[in-house]
Amino acid sequence: MSGFVQYLNPTAQLVIALSVYGQVPSANTFVCFALVWLSLVSLVLEAVLGERRRQPKNQQPSTRLMNGTTVRDQHL
């Protein structure tokens, strides 16, 4: 979580510079800002989609206990 805060601080600084102080950054600043956020989005998407690919599809959680009975048998 602390890594994400490192992206929020420069973003807050840019918003404050634009809205409070009325500064107009160069086009290079906006391009770099956009590239940093696009790379962050791509890293997050890669992590989320990679985790979904690693999980087996349609696998039901096991209800069999170590002694051979099922969870349902234990409640009856």
Protein backbone atom coordinates (compact mmCIF):
# COMPACT_ATOMS: atom_id res chain seq x y z
CA MET A 1 0.00 0.00 0.00
CA SER A 2 2.85 2.41 0.71
CA GLY A 3 4.03 2.00 -2.89
CA PHE A 4 0.72 3.31 -4.16
CA VAL A 5 1.00 6.37 -1.92
CA GLN A 6 4.23 7.24 -3.73
CA TYR A 7 2.13 7.70 -6.88
CA LEU A 8 -0.48 9.79 -5.10
CA ASN A 9 1.94 12.39 -3.73
CA PRO A 10 3.17 13.69 -7.13
CA THR A 11 -0.41 13.57 -8.40
CA ALA A 12 -1.58 15.70 -5.49
CA GLN A 13 1.29 18.10 -6.10
CA LEU A 14 0.30 18.47 -9.75
CA VAL A 15 -3.35 19.05 -8.86
CA ILE A 16 -2.41 21.68 -6.26
CA ALA A 17 -0.02 23.38 -8.69
CA LEU A 18 -2.75 23.58 -11.31
CA SER A 19 -5.72 24.49 -9.15
CA VAL A 20 -4.32 26.52 -6.25
CA TYR A 21 -1.24 28.20 -7.71
CA GLY A 22 -2.44 28.42 -11.32
CA GLN A 23 0.81 27.06 -12.73
CA VAL A 24 0.79 25.72 -16.26
CA PRO A 25 3.22 22.81 -16.70
CA SER A 26 4.82 22.10 -20.04
CA ALA A 27 3.55 19.46 -22.43
CA ASN A 28 6.50 17.27 -21.44
CA THR A 29 5.28 17.24 -17.85
CA PHE A 30 1.82 16.04 -18.89
CA VAL A 31 3.29 13.38 -21.20
CA CYS A 32 5.54 12.04 -18.44
CA PHE A 33 2.68 12.16 -15.95
CA ALA A 34 0.45 10.17 -18.31
CA LEU A 35 3.19 7.62 -19.03
CA VAL A 36 3.81 6.98 -15.34
CA TRP A 37 0.10 6.39 -14.67
CA LEU A 38 -0.28 4.21 -17.77
CA SER A 39 2.62 2.06 -16.61
CA LEU A 40 1.07 1.78 -13.16
CA VAL A 41 -2.25 0.69 -14.67
CA SER A 42 -0.50 -1.88 -16.86
CA LEU A 43 1.37 -3.32 -13.86
CA VAL A 44 -1.83 -3.61 -11.82
CA LEU A 45 -3.71 -5.24 -14.70
CA GLU A 46 -0.88 -7.69 -15.28
CA ALA A 47 -0.88 -8.67 -11.61
CA VAL A 48 -4.67 -9.09 -11.46
CA LEU A 49 -4.99 -10.98 -14.73
CA GLY A 50 -1.95 -13.13 -13.93
CA GLU A 51 -3.48 -14.14 -10.61
CA ARG A 52 -6.74 -15.10 -12.31
CA ARG A 53 -4.87 -17.23 -14.85
CA ARG A 54 -3.04 -19.09 -12.08
CA GLN A 55 -6.26 -20.12 -10.35
CA PRO A 56 -7.78 -23.35 -11.67
CA LYS A 57 -11.13 -22.87 -13.35
CA ASN A 58 -14.29 -24.56 -12.08
CA GLN A 59 -12.55 -26.14 -9.13
CA GLN A 60 -14.90 -26.75 -6.23
CA PRO A 61 -13.49 -26.36 -2.75
CA SER A 62 -12.72 -29.66 -1.12
CA THR A 63 -15.23 -30.78 1.51
CA ARG A 64 -13.45 -34.02 2.32
CA LEU A 65 -11.87 -34.11 5.75
CA MET A 66 -8.72 -36.00 6.66
CA ASN A 67 -10.63 -38.91 8.21
CA GLY A 68 -12.50 -39.57 4.94
CA THR A 69 -15.83 -38.02 5.92
CA THR A 70 -17.25 -34.92 4.34
CA VAL A 71 -18.24 -31.70 6.02
CA ARG A 72 -21.90 -32.57 5.44
CA ASP A 73 -21.44 -35.89 7.29
CA GLN A 74 -20.04 -34.05 10.30
CA HIS A 75 -23.20 -31.93 10.66
CA LEU A 76 -25.62 -34.86 10.48
